[in-house]
Amino acid sequence: MYKYDRFDQEIVDARVDEFRDQTRRRIAGELSEDQFKPLRLKNGLYLQLHAYMLRVAVPYGMMSGRQLRMLGHIARTYSRDYGHFTTRQNMQFHWIKLEEAPDILAELATVEMHAIQTSGESIRNISSDHFAGATDDEIADPRPWAELIRQWTTFHPEFSYFPRKFKIALTASDNDRIAALSHDIALKLVPGPDGEIGFCVYVGGGMGRTPFVAKLIRPYLPPQQLLSYIAAIMRVWNRYGRRDNIHKARIKILVHDLGAEEFTRQVEEEWQLMLPTEPPFPQAELDRIAVQFAPPPFETGLADTIDPAAAADQAFARWLTHNVHAHRQPGYAIASVSLKPPGGIPGDITAAQLELLGDLAERYSFDELRSTHAQNVVLPHVRKADLYAVWQALDAAGLATANLDLVSDIIVCPGLDYCSLANARSIPVAQKIADRFADYDRQKDLGELKIKISGCINACGHHHVGHIGILGVDRKGTENYQLLLGGSGAEDAALAKITGPGFDEDGVVDAVERTIERYRELRTDGERFLDTYRRVGFEPFKEAIYG
């Protein structure tokens, strides 16, 4: 795990002091809200319906035990005892008092955390595969590169005032676990023609009002040229991005309007102009960072099996089936913790649960925990012999729901319960769907089925790439829900299609059930919902929904 050096710490501490003064001036009336807004947004502080919300950066989803305990402390002290994990691997606190925000940032700084650039028109939290460094399906660990990009882009003077926000994701696996192609830039580590690992570069993904899947603009980029090539991409966008229209300001619009071929030509041209004067690639810095992501001291010679006596526990066996994944090191496993319990709010976690996970990470996972884009968390390095003890602790804390990638593992934004931008509530819809499909045998029978819900067109719940997506809209002052089908946020990325007229809250839950029952009628052995949809097409499902 990356550890701050003195420069990192000094930068974060100075930013806290700066924001404390800005907050004091706002409370004293020396700054208007219009003057204060861009300052607070650069520090992750939003003004929502009922209170301020603070978004804490979790670079590439990694946290230590002491960081989790600090998040638990903040939840308990400042935010009604809970926090919320987001689809960009960050943590949000929804009940913040303005006068207390600087104190929270100061406490975060003591455990190498901050909220810098988690909002505003800046380069946001760098996201990466939550299985990085643990899975056997990656060709290299993407996290050192993610950290290098994080450092390079933080406070970068040329890229501090973009037309709109900008999001970068990295993966090193053919299995896309972070919805990479929904990002402004997606970087995939790939082998090059000479055997050296480089990057496949995609640009122009995004959701919101006009969703797009990112376009491939370079199949192979040598690793030493990564930063200069990203700079060329951002310079082209910074030059031509639509600052006159917030709805057309994202890079996805520029890529679409120019076409991928012309956009690529302009990036390559800009890059060639830059290269003669670009500073050398900071290889020594990358090497320094990479050392901190060395594999933990795994034990060797461990049994690569689960204790049969423990596996006889039916509830534990279910958890093993759905929440435990293969590890690259024999004798170890990747244990995923679902934050989608029956009747719960997806992504929410209490202070006590945060503290427990910190303790479990320290005791059983080399002091590492990862947040995921699906609003769950991961203990990446657990000995198989310890899985039953981990599960028992999770079960006692209400964290042992066995439902990863099943119908109740729903991604959902905070919606109209919290967000001032939302048109409709999303949380109650997710809860009703989860209740409707609460029976474990029914969920298991349905298999992989990803439902994603957003309370407005900004698509924070990723509804565009759900196998089943739900979008809340305002229809003449009434909450209304559109149903979408056939999306994917994985390596087979695709945008979902709107089925037709919307529904009220209970009606959309019924429509989801009719959709799923039609899938059961049409599927063949082994087919996921998405497979069946792609095989039979849109019309059979539309008929089931509307009659």
Protein backbone atom coordinates (compact mmCIF):
# COMPACT_ATOMS: atom_id res chain seq x y z
CA MET A 1 0.00 0.00 0.00
CA TYR A 2 1.29 3.45 -0.89
CA LYS A 3 2.54 5.44 2.10
CA TYR A 4 2.79 9.22 2.12
CA ASP A 5 6.22 10.77 2.03
CA ARG A 6 6.78 14.15 3.71
CA PHE A 7 5.80 16.02 0.54
CA ASP A 8 2.45 14.21 0.34
CA GLN A 9 1.74 14.98 3.99
CA GLU A 10 2.77 18.62 3.74
CA ILE A 11 0.54 19.13 0.69
CA VAL A 12 -2.51 17.61 2.38
CA ASP A 13 -1.91 19.49 5.65
CA ALA A 14 -1.51 22.78 3.80
CA ARG A 15 -4.74 22.15 1.92
CA VAL A 16 -6.58 21.58 5.21
CA ASP A 17 -5.28 24.88 6.61
CA GLU A 18 -6.27 26.69 3.42
CA PHE A 19 -9.79 25.26 3.48
CA ARG A 20 -10.19 26.02 7.17
CA ASP A 21 -9.58 29.69 6.40
CA GLN A 22 -11.93 29.61 3.41
CA THR A 23 -14.65 28.05 5.58
CA ARG A 24 -14.13 30.64 8.31
CA ARG A 25 -14.52 33.41 5.75
CA ARG A 26 -17.71 31.84 4.35
CA ILE A 27 -19.29 31.53 7.81
CA ALA A 28 -18.30 35.12 8.60
CA GLY A 29 -19.95 36.32 5.40
CA GLU A 30 -16.71 37.42 3.79
CA LEU A 31 -17.29 34.96 0.93
CA SER A 32 -20.60 34.56 -0.87
CA GLU A 33 -21.92 31.10 -1.72
CA ASP A 34 -21.01 31.68 -5.37
CA GLN A 35 -17.44 32.49 -4.33
CA PHE A 36 -17.23 29.61 -1.87
CA LYS A 37 -18.79 26.92 -4.07
CA PRO A 38 -15.76 26.21 -6.34
CA LEU A 39 -13.50 26.18 -3.29
CA ARG A 40 -15.58 23.65 -1.35
CA LEU A 41 -16.09 21.47 -4.41
CA LYS A 42 -12.34 21.19 -4.92
CA ASN A 43 -12.33 19.80 -1.38
CA GLY A 44 -15.14 17.31 -1.95
CA LEU A 45 -17.85 19.25 -0.10
CA TYR A 46 -21.32 19.30 -1.71
CA LEU A 47 -24.46 21.06 -0.52
CA GLN A 48 -27.30 18.56 -0.75
CA LEU A 49 -30.97 18.59 0.21
CA HIS A 50 -30.61 18.36 3.98
CA ALA A 51 -26.96 19.03 4.78
CA TYR A 52 -23.48 19.13 3.32
CA MET A 53 -22.01 15.91 1.95
CA LEU A 54 -18.28 15.20 2.08
CA ARG A 55 -16.76 12.81 -0.45
CA VAL A 56 -13.50 11.24 0.72
CA ALA A 57 -10.99 10.01 -1.86
CA VAL A 58 -10.06 6.33 -1.78
CA PRO A 59 -7.44 6.07 -4.55
CA TYR A 60 -7.92 2.83 -6.53
CA GLY A 61 -10.12 1.63 -3.65
CA MET A 62 -7.31 0.77 -1.19
CA MET A 63 -7.62 1.30 2.57
CA SER A 64 -5.79 0.15 5.69
CA GLY A 65 -7.20 -0.80 9.05
CA ARG A 66 -6.43 2.54 10.67
CA GLN A 67 -8.03 4.36 7.75
CA LEU A 68 -11.20 2.30 8.13
CA ARG A 69 -11.28 3.04 11.83
CA MET A 70 -10.90 6.74 11.07
CA LEU A 71 -13.82 6.56 8.63
CA GLY A 72 -15.79 4.85 11.38
CA HIS A 73 -14.86 7.60 13.82
CA ILE A 74 -15.97 10.28 11.36
CA ALA A 75 -19.25 8.47 10.70
CA ARG A 76 -19.99 8.25 14.41
CA THR A 77 -18.83 11.75 15.33
CA TYR A 78 -19.95 13.84 12.38
CA SER A 79 -22.46 11.93 10.21
CA ARG A 80 -25.22 10.06 12.07
CA ASP A 81 -23.17 6.88 12.46
CA TYR A 82 -22.79 5.75 8.85
CA GLY A 83 -21.03 6.35 5.55
CA HIS A 84 -21.75 5.37 1.97
CA PHE A 85 -19.46 3.74 -0.62
CA THR A 86 -19.84 5.13 -4.14
CA THR A 87 -19.46 3.72 -7.65
CA ARG A 88 -16.03 5.37 -7.90
CA GLN A 89 -14.69 3.53 -4.85
CA ASN A 90 -14.94 6.63 -2.62
CA MET A 91 -16.64 7.15 0.74
CA GLN A 92 -19.39 9.75 1.27
CA PHE A 93 -20.74 11.23 4.50
CA HIS A 94 -24.16 12.83 4.07
CA TRP A 95 -24.80 14.78 7.28
CA ILE A 96 -21.86 17.17 7.55
CA LYS A 97 -22.01 20.59 9.24
CA LEU A 98 -20.05 23.25 7.38
CA GLU A 99 -18.24 24.46 10.48
CA GLU A 100 -17.02 20.89 11.17
CA ALA A 101 -15.78 20.10 7.64
CA PRO A 102 -12.21 21.43 8.22
CA ASP A 103 -11.93 19.35 11.40
CA ILE A 104 -12.93 16.23 9.45
CA LEU A 105 -10.31 16.94 6.78
CA ALA A 106 -7.68 17.48 9.49
CA GLU A 107 -8.53 14.13 11.07
CA LEU A 108 -8.44 12.40 7.68
CA ALA A 109 -4.99 13.88 7.06
CA THR A 110 -3.64 12.06 10.13
CA VAL A 111 -4.28 8.72 8.36
CA GLU A 112 -3.14 9.75 4.86
CA MET A 113 -6.61 10.51 3.51
CA HIS A 114 -8.19 13.60 1.96
CA ALA A 115 -11.06 14.85 -0.20
CA ILE A 116 -9.01 16.73 -2.80
CA GLN A 117 -10.46 16.69 -6.33
CA THR A 118 -13.34 14.40 -5.44
CA SER A 119 -15.62 17.03 -6.96
CA GLY A 120 -15.49 20.05 -9.24
CA GLU A 121 -14.20 20.32 -12.79
CA SER A 122 -11.03 18.37 -12.10
CA ILE A 123 -9.42 14.97 -12.52
CA ARG A 124 -11.29 12.79 -10.06
CA ASN A 125 -10.24 9.80 -7.98
CA ILE A 126 -8.19 7.35 -10.07
CA SER A 127 -10.01 4.02 -10.04
CA SER A 128 -8.67 0.52 -10.57
CA ASP A 129 -9.53 -3.17 -10.30
CA HIS A 130 -10.38 -4.06 -6.70
CA PHE A 131 -8.78 -7.49 -7.22
CA ALA A 132 -5.46 -5.94 -8.35
CA GLY A 133 -2.40 -7.72 -7.00
CA ALA A 134 -4.49 -10.68 -5.83
CA THR A 135 -6.17 -12.13 -8.91
CA ASP A 136 -4.47 -14.58 -11.24
CA ASP A 137 -6.12 -13.13 -14.37
CA GLU A 138 -4.07 -9.91 -14.60
CA ILE A 139 -0.79 -9.52 -16.49
CA ALA A 140 0.64 -6.94 -14.06
CA ASP A 141 -0.43 -4.92 -11.06
CA PRO A 142 -2.06 -1.66 -12.29
CA ARG A 143 -1.90 0.11 -8.91
CA PRO A 144 1.62 1.60 -9.18
CA TRP A 145 0.52 3.22 -12.43
CA ALA A 146 -2.69 4.43 -10.82
CA GLU A 147 -0.70 6.01 -8.00
CA LEU A 148 1.72 7.63 -10.43
CA ILE A 149 -1.19 9.15 -12.37
CA ARG A 150 -2.82 10.27 -9.11
CA GLN A 151 0.30 12.15 -8.05
CA TRP A 152 0.89 13.63 -11.50
CA THR A 153 -2.67 14.89 -11.92
CA THR A 154 -3.16 16.29 -8.40
CA PHE A 155 -2.97 20.10 -8.61
CA HIS A 156 -1.60 19.85 -12.16
CA PRO A 157 -1.71 23.53 -13.20
CA GLU A 158 -2.63 22.82 -16.82
CA PHE A 159 -5.54 20.55 -15.92
CA SER A 160 -7.05 22.24 -12.88
CA TYR A 161 -9.95 24.02 -14.61
CA PHE A 162 -11.37 21.66 -17.18
CA PRO A 163 -14.63 22.16 -19.06
CA ARG A 164 -16.06 19.37 -16.84
CA LYS A 165 -15.00 16.59 -14.51
CA PHE A 166 -12.61 13.93 -15.82
CA LYS A 167 -12.34 10.27 -14.79
CA ILE A 168 -9.55 7.76 -15.40
CA ALA A 169 -9.62 3.99 -14.78
CA LEU A 170 -6.94 1.30 -15.04
CA THR A 171 -7.20 -2.46 -15.35
CA ALA A 172 -4.82 -5.27 -16.23
CA SER A 173 -7.30 -8.08 -16.82
CA ASP A 174 -9.56 -9.22 -19.61
CA ASN A 175 -12.27 -9.29 -16.94
CA ASP A 176 -13.38 -5.67 -16.50
CA ARG A 177 -14.44 -5.28 -12.87
CA ILE A 178 -14.46 -1.46 -12.79
CA ALA A 179 -16.66 -0.45 -15.76
CA ALA A 180 -13.51 0.90 -17.41
CA LEU A 181 -15.17 1.72 -20.74
CA SER A 182 -17.56 4.08 -18.98
CA HIS A 183 -14.66 6.42 -18.13
CA ASP A 184 -13.21 9.44 -19.92
CA ILE A 185 -9.94 7.53 -20.26
CA ALA A 186 -9.65 3.76 -19.78
CA LEU A 187 -6.17 2.24 -19.65
CA LYS A 188 -5.66 -1.50 -19.96
CA LEU A 189 -2.25 -3.05 -19.40
CA VAL A 190 -1.41 -5.30 -22.36
CA PRO A 191 1.68 -7.08 -23.73
CA GLY A 192 3.42 -5.21 -26.54
CA PRO A 193 5.07 -6.49 -29.71
CA ASP A 194 8.44 -6.79 -27.98
CA GLY A 195 7.03 -8.40 -24.85
CA GLU A 196 7.11 -5.20 -22.81
CA ILE A 197 3.89 -4.41 -20.99
CA GLY A 198 2.22 -1.22 -22.20
CA PHE A 199 -1.25 0.28 -22.45
CA CYS A 200 -4.30 -0.05 -24.61
CA VAL A 201 -5.96 3.39 -24.58
CA TYR A 202 -9.70 4.07 -24.76
CA VAL A 203 -11.26 7.54 -24.63
CA GLY A 204 -14.73 9.03 -24.46
CA GLY A 205 -16.77 6.77 -22.23
CA GLY A 206 -19.33 8.14 -19.84
CA MET A 207 -22.89 8.01 -18.64
CA GLY A 208 -25.23 10.86 -17.79
CA ARG A 209 -27.51 12.60 -20.27
CA THR A 210 -25.69 11.23 -23.33
CA PRO A 211 -24.02 7.89 -22.54
CA PHE A 212 -21.19 6.44 -24.62
CA VAL A 213 -18.88 3.46 -24.49
CA ALA A 214 -15.24 4.56 -24.75
CA LYS A 215 -13.54 4.22 -28.15
CA LEU A 216 -10.21 2.54 -28.76
CA ILE A 217 -7.74 5.17 -29.95
CA ARG A 218 -4.42 3.36 -29.45
CA PRO A 219 -4.05 -0.44 -29.24
CA TYR A 220 -0.56 -0.19 -27.76
CA LEU A 221 1.29 2.63 -26.02
CA PRO A 222 4.80 2.11 -24.60
CA PRO A 223 4.74 2.55 -20.83
CA GLN A 224 7.31 5.36 -20.75
CA GLN A 225 5.03 7.47 -22.92
CA LEU A 226 1.90 7.14 -20.80
CA LEU A 227 1.92 10.54 -19.09
CA SER A 228 2.71 12.51 -22.21
CA TYR A 229 -0.02 10.71 -24.14
CA ILE A 230 -2.61 11.38 -21.43
CA ALA A 231 -1.52 15.02 -21.52
CA ALA A 232 -2.05 15.14 -25.27
CA ILE A 233 -5.57 13.71 -24.88
CA MET A 234 -6.45 16.26 -22.22
CA ARG A 235 -4.95 19.15 -24.17
CA VAL A 236 -7.10 18.40 -27.19
CA TRP A 237 -10.18 18.26 -24.99
CA ASN A 238 -9.16 21.32 -22.97
CA ARG A 239 -8.82 23.24 -26.23
CA TYR A 240 -12.12 22.23 -27.83
CA GLY A 241 -14.36 21.16 -24.92
CA ARG A 242 -17.73 22.94 -24.84
CA ARG A 243 -17.47 25.40 -21.95
CA ASP A 244 -20.59 27.16 -23.23
CA ASN A 245 -22.88 24.18 -22.51
CA ILE A 246 -22.51 22.05 -19.38
CA HIS A 247 -24.44 19.20 -21.03
CA LYS A 248 -21.97 19.03 -23.93
CA ALA A 249 -18.75 19.70 -22.06
CA ARG A 250 -17.54 16.14 -21.41
CA ILE A 251 -14.81 14.62 -23.59
CA LYS A 252 -17.26 11.92 -24.73
CA ILE A 253 -19.15 14.62 -26.67
CA LEU A 254 -15.99 15.81 -28.39
CA VAL A 255 -15.01 12.26 -29.36
CA HIS A 256 -18.51 11.66 -30.68
CA ASP A 257 -18.71 14.93 -32.61
CA LEU A 258 -15.27 14.60 -34.19
CA GLY A 259 -15.45 10.84 -34.61
CA ALA A 260 -12.91 8.49 -33.04
CA GLU A 261 -10.64 8.59 -36.09
CA GLU A 262 -10.38 12.39 -36.24
CA PHE A 263 -10.05 12.68 -32.48
CA THR A 264 -7.22 10.15 -32.57
CA ARG A 265 -5.51 12.07 -35.38
CA GLN A 266 -5.60 15.27 -33.36
CA VAL A 267 -4.27 13.56 -30.23
CA GLU A 268 -1.41 11.95 -32.17
CA GLU A 269 -0.59 15.28 -33.81
CA GLU A 270 -0.59 17.09 -30.45
CA TRP A 271 1.51 14.33 -28.92
CA GLN A 272 4.16 14.52 -31.62
CA LEU A 273 4.41 18.28 -31.08
CA MET A 274 4.85 17.74 -27.34
CA LEU A 275 7.47 15.01 -27.39
CA PRO A 276 10.58 17.10 -28.19
CA THR A 277 10.07 19.25 -25.09
CA GLU A 278 8.47 16.75 -22.72
CA PRO A 279 10.50 15.97 -19.58
CA PRO A 280 11.88 12.44 -19.26
CA PHE A 281 9.51 9.80 -17.93
CA PRO A 282 9.86 9.66 -14.10
CA GLN A 283 11.03 6.06 -13.97
CA ALA A 284 12.71 6.50 -10.58
CA GLU A 285 9.42 7.72 -9.10
CA LEU A 286 7.50 4.81 -10.60
CA ASP A 287 10.11 2.41 -9.18
CA ARG A 288 9.77 4.05 -5.74
CA ILE A 289 6.00 3.69 -5.87
CA ALA A 290 6.09 0.11 -7.19
CA VAL A 291 8.12 -1.06 -4.18
CA GLN A 292 5.18 -0.13 -1.96
CA PHE A 293 2.90 -2.46 -3.91
CA ALA A 294 5.12 -5.51 -3.57
CA PRO A 295 3.20 -8.69 -2.72
CA PRO A 296 2.66 -9.20 1.01
CA PRO A 297 4.65 -11.92 2.79
CA PHE A 298 2.42 -14.83 1.89
CA GLU A 299 2.93 -18.11 3.68
CA THR A 300 3.90 -21.02 1.49
CA GLY A 301 2.88 -24.64 1.75
CA LEU A 302 -0.63 -23.84 2.96
CA ALA A 303 -3.48 -26.24 2.28
CA ASP A 304 -5.42 -25.00 -0.73
CA THR A 305 -8.74 -26.36 0.53
CA ILE A 306 -11.56 -25.36 2.87
CA ASP A 307 -12.06 -27.27 6.11
CA PRO A 308 -14.87 -29.78 5.34
CA ALA A 309 -16.37 -29.29 8.79
CA ALA A 310 -16.70 -25.54 8.19
CA ALA A 311 -18.01 -26.04 4.66
CA ALA A 312 -20.81 -28.16 6.11
CA ASP A 313 -22.29 -24.93 7.49
CA GLN A 314 -24.87 -24.18 4.77
CA ALA A 315 -24.80 -20.39 5.22
CA PHE A 316 -21.00 -20.36 5.04
CA ALA A 317 -21.08 -22.60 1.96
CA ARG A 318 -23.39 -20.12 0.22
CA TRP A 319 -21.00 -17.29 1.04
CA LEU A 320 -18.09 -19.30 -0.36
CA THR A 321 -20.03 -19.88 -3.58
CA HIS A 322 -20.89 -16.25 -4.26
CA ASN A 323 -18.47 -14.03 -2.32
CA VAL A 324 -15.12 -15.84 -2.47
CA HIS A 325 -12.87 -15.78 -5.53
CA ALA A 326 -9.64 -17.46 -6.56
CA HIS A 327 -6.34 -15.94 -5.44
CA ARG A 328 -3.06 -16.08 -7.32
CA GLN A 329 -1.32 -17.47 -4.21
CA PRO A 330 -2.10 -21.09 -3.23
CA GLY A 331 -3.76 -21.30 0.15
CA TYR A 332 -5.33 -17.84 -0.09
CA ALA A 333 -8.64 -16.44 -1.33
CA ILE A 334 -10.23 -13.09 -2.17
CA ALA A 335 -13.19 -12.50 0.15
CA SER A 336 -15.84 -10.01 -0.94
CA VAL A 337 -18.12 -8.38 1.61
CA SER A 338 -21.58 -7.46 0.38
CA LEU A 339 -23.03 -4.14 1.53
CA LYS A 340 -26.45 -5.18 0.20
CA PRO A 341 -28.18 -6.91 3.13
CA PRO A 342 -31.92 -7.63 2.96
CA GLY A 343 -33.79 -4.39 3.62
CA GLY A 344 -30.57 -2.37 3.71
CA ILE A 345 -29.43 0.65 1.71
CA PRO A 346 -26.90 -0.48 -0.91
CA GLY A 347 -23.44 0.87 -0.16
CA ASP A 348 -24.24 2.10 3.35
CA ILE A 349 -22.04 0.98 6.23
CA THR A 350 -22.15 1.81 9.92
CA ALA A 351 -19.32 3.12 12.06
CA ALA A 352 -19.12 -0.20 13.94
CA GLN A 353 -18.98 -2.14 10.69
CA LEU A 354 -16.19 0.08 9.35
CA GLU A 355 -14.20 -0.51 12.52
CA LEU A 356 -14.80 -4.25 12.35
CA LEU A 357 -13.60 -4.38 8.76
CA GLY A 358 -10.49 -2.47 9.79
CA ASP A 359 -9.81 -5.07 12.46
CA LEU A 360 -10.42 -7.95 10.03
CA ALA A 361 -8.16 -6.37 7.41
CA GLU A 362 -5.33 -6.09 9.93
CA ARG A 363 -5.78 -9.57 11.33
CA TYR A 364 -6.56 -11.58 8.21
CA SER A 365 -5.67 -9.60 5.05
CA PHE A 366 -2.24 -8.00 5.54
CA ASP A 367 -3.89 -4.74 6.59
CA GLU A 368 -5.62 -4.23 3.23
CA LEU A 369 -9.21 -3.69 2.21
CA ARG A 370 -10.60 -2.53 -1.15
CA SER A 371 -13.81 -0.73 -2.04
CA THR A 372 -15.45 -1.70 -5.33
CA HIS A 373 -17.33 0.16 -8.03
CA ALA A 374 -20.33 -2.05 -7.18
CA GLN A 375 -20.49 -0.48 -3.67
CA ASN A 376 -19.11 -3.51 -1.85
CA VAL A 377 -15.73 -4.14 -0.20
CA VAL A 378 -13.02 -6.78 -0.51
CA LEU A 379 -10.54 -8.44 1.83
CA PRO A 380 -8.00 -9.32 -0.88
CA HIS A 381 -5.59 -11.72 0.85
CA VAL A 382 -7.31 -14.14 3.24
CA ARG A 383 -5.90 -17.55 4.06
CA LYS A 384 -8.41 -20.24 3.17
CA ALA A 385 -7.97 -21.61 6.66
CA ASP A 386 -9.21 -18.28 8.05
CA LEU A 387 -12.27 -17.87 5.83
CA TYR A 388 -14.67 -19.43 8.31
CA ALA A 389 -13.50 -17.17 11.14
CA VAL A 390 -13.80 -14.14 8.86
CA TRP A 391 -17.29 -15.19 7.79
CA GLN A 392 -18.40 -15.70 11.39
CA ALA A 393 -17.26 -12.18 12.32
CA LEU A 394 -18.99 -10.73 9.26
CA ASP A 395 -22.16 -12.69 9.95
CA ALA A 396 -22.35 -11.38 13.51
CA ALA A 397 -22.08 -7.82 12.13
CA GLY A 398 -24.70 -8.23 9.40
CA LEU A 399 -22.08 -8.26 6.64
CA ALA A 400 -22.25 -11.86 5.41
CA THR A 401 -24.97 -11.59 2.75
CA ALA A 402 -24.15 -14.14 0.03
CA ASN A 403 -25.33 -12.31 -3.08
CA LEU A 404 -22.45 -10.91 -5.15
CA ASP A 405 -23.59 -10.38 -8.77
CA LEU A 406 -27.04 -11.74 -7.98
CA VAL A 407 -30.32 -9.88 -8.41
CA SER A 408 -30.19 -8.29 -4.92
CA ASP A 409 -26.63 -6.97 -5.38
CA ILE A 410 -28.02 -3.69 -6.72
CA ILE A 411 -26.01 -0.56 -7.51
CA VAL A 412 -27.94 2.55 -6.51
CA CYS A 413 -27.29 6.27 -6.12
CA PRO A 414 -28.54 8.19 -3.03
CA GLY A 415 -31.37 9.68 -5.13
CA LEU A 416 -33.97 12.13 -3.91
CA ASP A 417 -33.55 11.04 -0.30
CA TYR A 418 -30.35 13.09 -0.26
CA CYS A 419 -29.34 14.60 -3.59
CA SER A 420 -30.50 18.05 -4.73
CA LEU A 421 -30.06 17.02 -8.38
CA ALA A 422 -32.28 13.95 -8.20
CA ASN A 423 -35.75 13.69 -9.71
CA ALA A 424 -36.84 10.54 -7.89
CA ARG A 425 -35.98 8.31 -4.99
CA SER A 426 -33.83 5.34 -5.90
CA ILE A 427 -33.15 3.69 -2.53
CA PRO A 428 -36.76 2.52 -1.87
CA VAL A 429 -36.94 0.98 -5.35
CA ALA A 430 -33.75 -0.99 -4.72
CA GLN A 431 -35.07 -2.16 -1.35
CA LYS A 432 -38.39 -3.30 -2.81
CA ILE A 433 -36.69 -5.24 -5.61
CA ALA A 434 -34.33 -6.88 -3.13
CA ASP A 435 -37.29 -7.80 -0.91
CA ARG A 436 -39.20 -9.21 -3.89
CA PHE A 437 -36.26 -11.51 -4.69
CA ALA A 438 -35.06 -12.12 -1.13
CA ASP A 439 -35.37 -15.91 -1.34
CA TYR A 440 -31.86 -17.30 -1.77
CA ASP A 441 -32.88 -20.25 -3.96
CA ARG A 442 -34.68 -17.90 -6.32
CA GLN A 443 -31.64 -15.63 -6.57
CA LYS A 444 -29.33 -18.55 -7.17
CA ASP A 445 -31.61 -19.91 -9.87
CA LEU A 446 -31.53 -16.57 -11.71
CA GLY A 447 -27.73 -16.40 -11.65
CA GLU A 448 -25.74 -13.31 -12.61
CA LEU A 449 -28.15 -10.39 -13.00
CA LYS A 450 -26.98 -6.83 -12.47
CA ILE A 451 -29.59 -4.19 -11.64
CA LYS A 452 -28.51 -0.55 -11.49
CA ILE A 453 -30.67 2.39 -10.42
CA SER A 454 -30.23 6.17 -10.80
CA GLY A 455 -32.44 8.89 -9.39
CA CYS A 456 -31.74 11.28 -12.26
CA ILE A 457 -30.16 11.54 -15.70
CA ASN A 458 -26.69 12.12 -14.20
CA ALA A 459 -26.55 8.32 -13.87
CA CYS A 460 -24.56 8.00 -10.65
CA GLY A 461 -26.19 4.57 -10.30
CA HIS A 462 -24.87 3.45 -13.72
CA HIS A 463 -28.34 2.56 -15.01
CA HIS A 464 -27.16 2.83 -18.63
CA VAL A 465 -24.97 -0.27 -18.21
CA GLY A 466 -27.22 -2.43 -16.07
CA HIS A 467 -28.47 -5.74 -17.37
CA ILE A 468 -31.63 -4.13 -16.03
CA GLY A 469 -31.41 -0.39 -15.52
CA ILE A 470 -33.85 1.95 -13.82
CA LEU A 471 -33.89 5.73 -14.27
CA GLY A 472 -35.95 7.99 -12.04
CA VAL A 473 -37.45 11.02 -13.80
CA ASP A 474 -39.85 13.83 -12.93
CA ARG A 475 -43.10 13.45 -14.83
CA LYS A 476 -45.25 16.52 -14.19
CA GLY A 477 -44.20 16.66 -10.55
CA THR A 478 -44.52 12.90 -9.98
CA GLU A 479 -41.70 10.41 -9.56
CA ASN A 480 -41.61 8.15 -12.57
CA TYR A 481 -39.27 5.29 -13.46
CA GLN A 482 -38.03 4.24 -16.88
CA LEU A 483 -36.92 0.64 -17.36
CA LEU A 484 -33.87 -0.17 -19.52
CA LEU A 485 -32.57 -3.55 -20.67
CA GLY A 486 -29.41 -5.08 -22.09
CA GLY A 487 -26.59 -2.92 -20.76
CA SER A 488 -23.22 -4.10 -19.52
CA GLY A 489 -20.42 -2.37 -17.64
CA ALA A 490 -18.01 -5.27 -18.12
CA GLU A 491 -15.53 -6.08 -20.89
CA ASP A 492 -18.51 -6.61 -23.23
CA ALA A 493 -19.65 -3.05 -22.52
CA ALA A 494 -23.00 -2.02 -23.97
CA LEU A 495 -25.66 0.61 -23.35
CA ALA A 496 -29.11 -0.45 -22.23
CA LYS A 497 -32.25 0.36 -24.24
CA ILE A 498 -35.33 2.10 -22.81
CA THR A 499 -38.29 -0.26 -22.94
CA GLY A 500 -41.08 2.31 -23.22
CA PRO A 501 -43.35 4.37 -20.95
CA GLY A 502 -42.32 4.66 -17.32
CA PHE A 503 -43.92 3.37 -14.12
CA ASP A 504 -44.60 4.51 -10.59
CA GLU A 505 -42.48 3.06 -7.79
CA ASP A 506 -44.44 -0.14 -7.28
CA GLY A 507 -45.11 -0.48 -10.99
CA VAL A 508 -41.42 -0.55 -11.89
CA VAL A 509 -40.79 -3.28 -9.31
CA ASP A 510 -43.56 -5.33 -10.93
CA ALA A 511 -42.09 -4.61 -14.38
CA VAL A 512 -38.70 -5.87 -13.22
CA GLU A 513 -40.31 -9.08 -12.02
CA ARG A 514 -42.14 -9.57 -15.32
CA THR A 515 -38.87 -9.02 -17.16
CA ILE A 516 -37.11 -11.61 -15.05
CA GLU A 517 -39.88 -14.15 -15.38
CA ARG A 518 -39.74 -13.82 -19.17
CA TYR A 519 -36.00 -14.49 -18.94
CA ARG A 520 -36.72 -17.68 -17.00
CA GLU A 521 -39.11 -18.79 -19.72
CA LEU A 522 -36.68 -18.08 -22.56
CA ARG A 523 -33.28 -19.04 -21.20
CA THR A 524 -31.33 -22.14 -22.11
CA ASP A 525 -29.11 -24.06 -19.71
CA GLY A 526 -26.30 -21.89 -18.42
CA GLU A 527 -27.51 -18.65 -19.97
CA ARG A 528 -27.25 -15.47 -17.95
CA PHE A 529 -29.96 -12.85 -18.29
CA LEU A 530 -27.71 -10.82 -20.59
CA ASP A 531 -26.98 -13.85 -22.78
CA THR A 532 -30.66 -14.57 -23.22
CA TYR A 533 -31.45 -10.92 -23.96
CA ARG A 534 -28.77 -10.78 -26.63
CA ARG A 535 -29.93 -14.03 -28.17
CA VAL A 536 -33.68 -13.37 -28.37
CA GLY A 537 -33.65 -9.58 -28.64
CA PHE A 538 -35.67 -6.76 -27.14
CA GLU A 539 -39.23 -7.51 -28.26
CA PRO A 540 -40.05 -10.60 -26.13
CA PHE A 541 -39.16 -8.66 -23.02
CA LYS A 542 -41.10 -5.57 -24.06
CA GLU A 543 -44.13 -7.77 -24.63
CA ALA A 544 -43.81 -9.25 -21.15
CA ILE A 545 -43.48 -5.82 -19.57
CA TYR A 546 -46.36 -4.06 -21.31
CA GLY A 547 -48.56 -6.94 -22.50
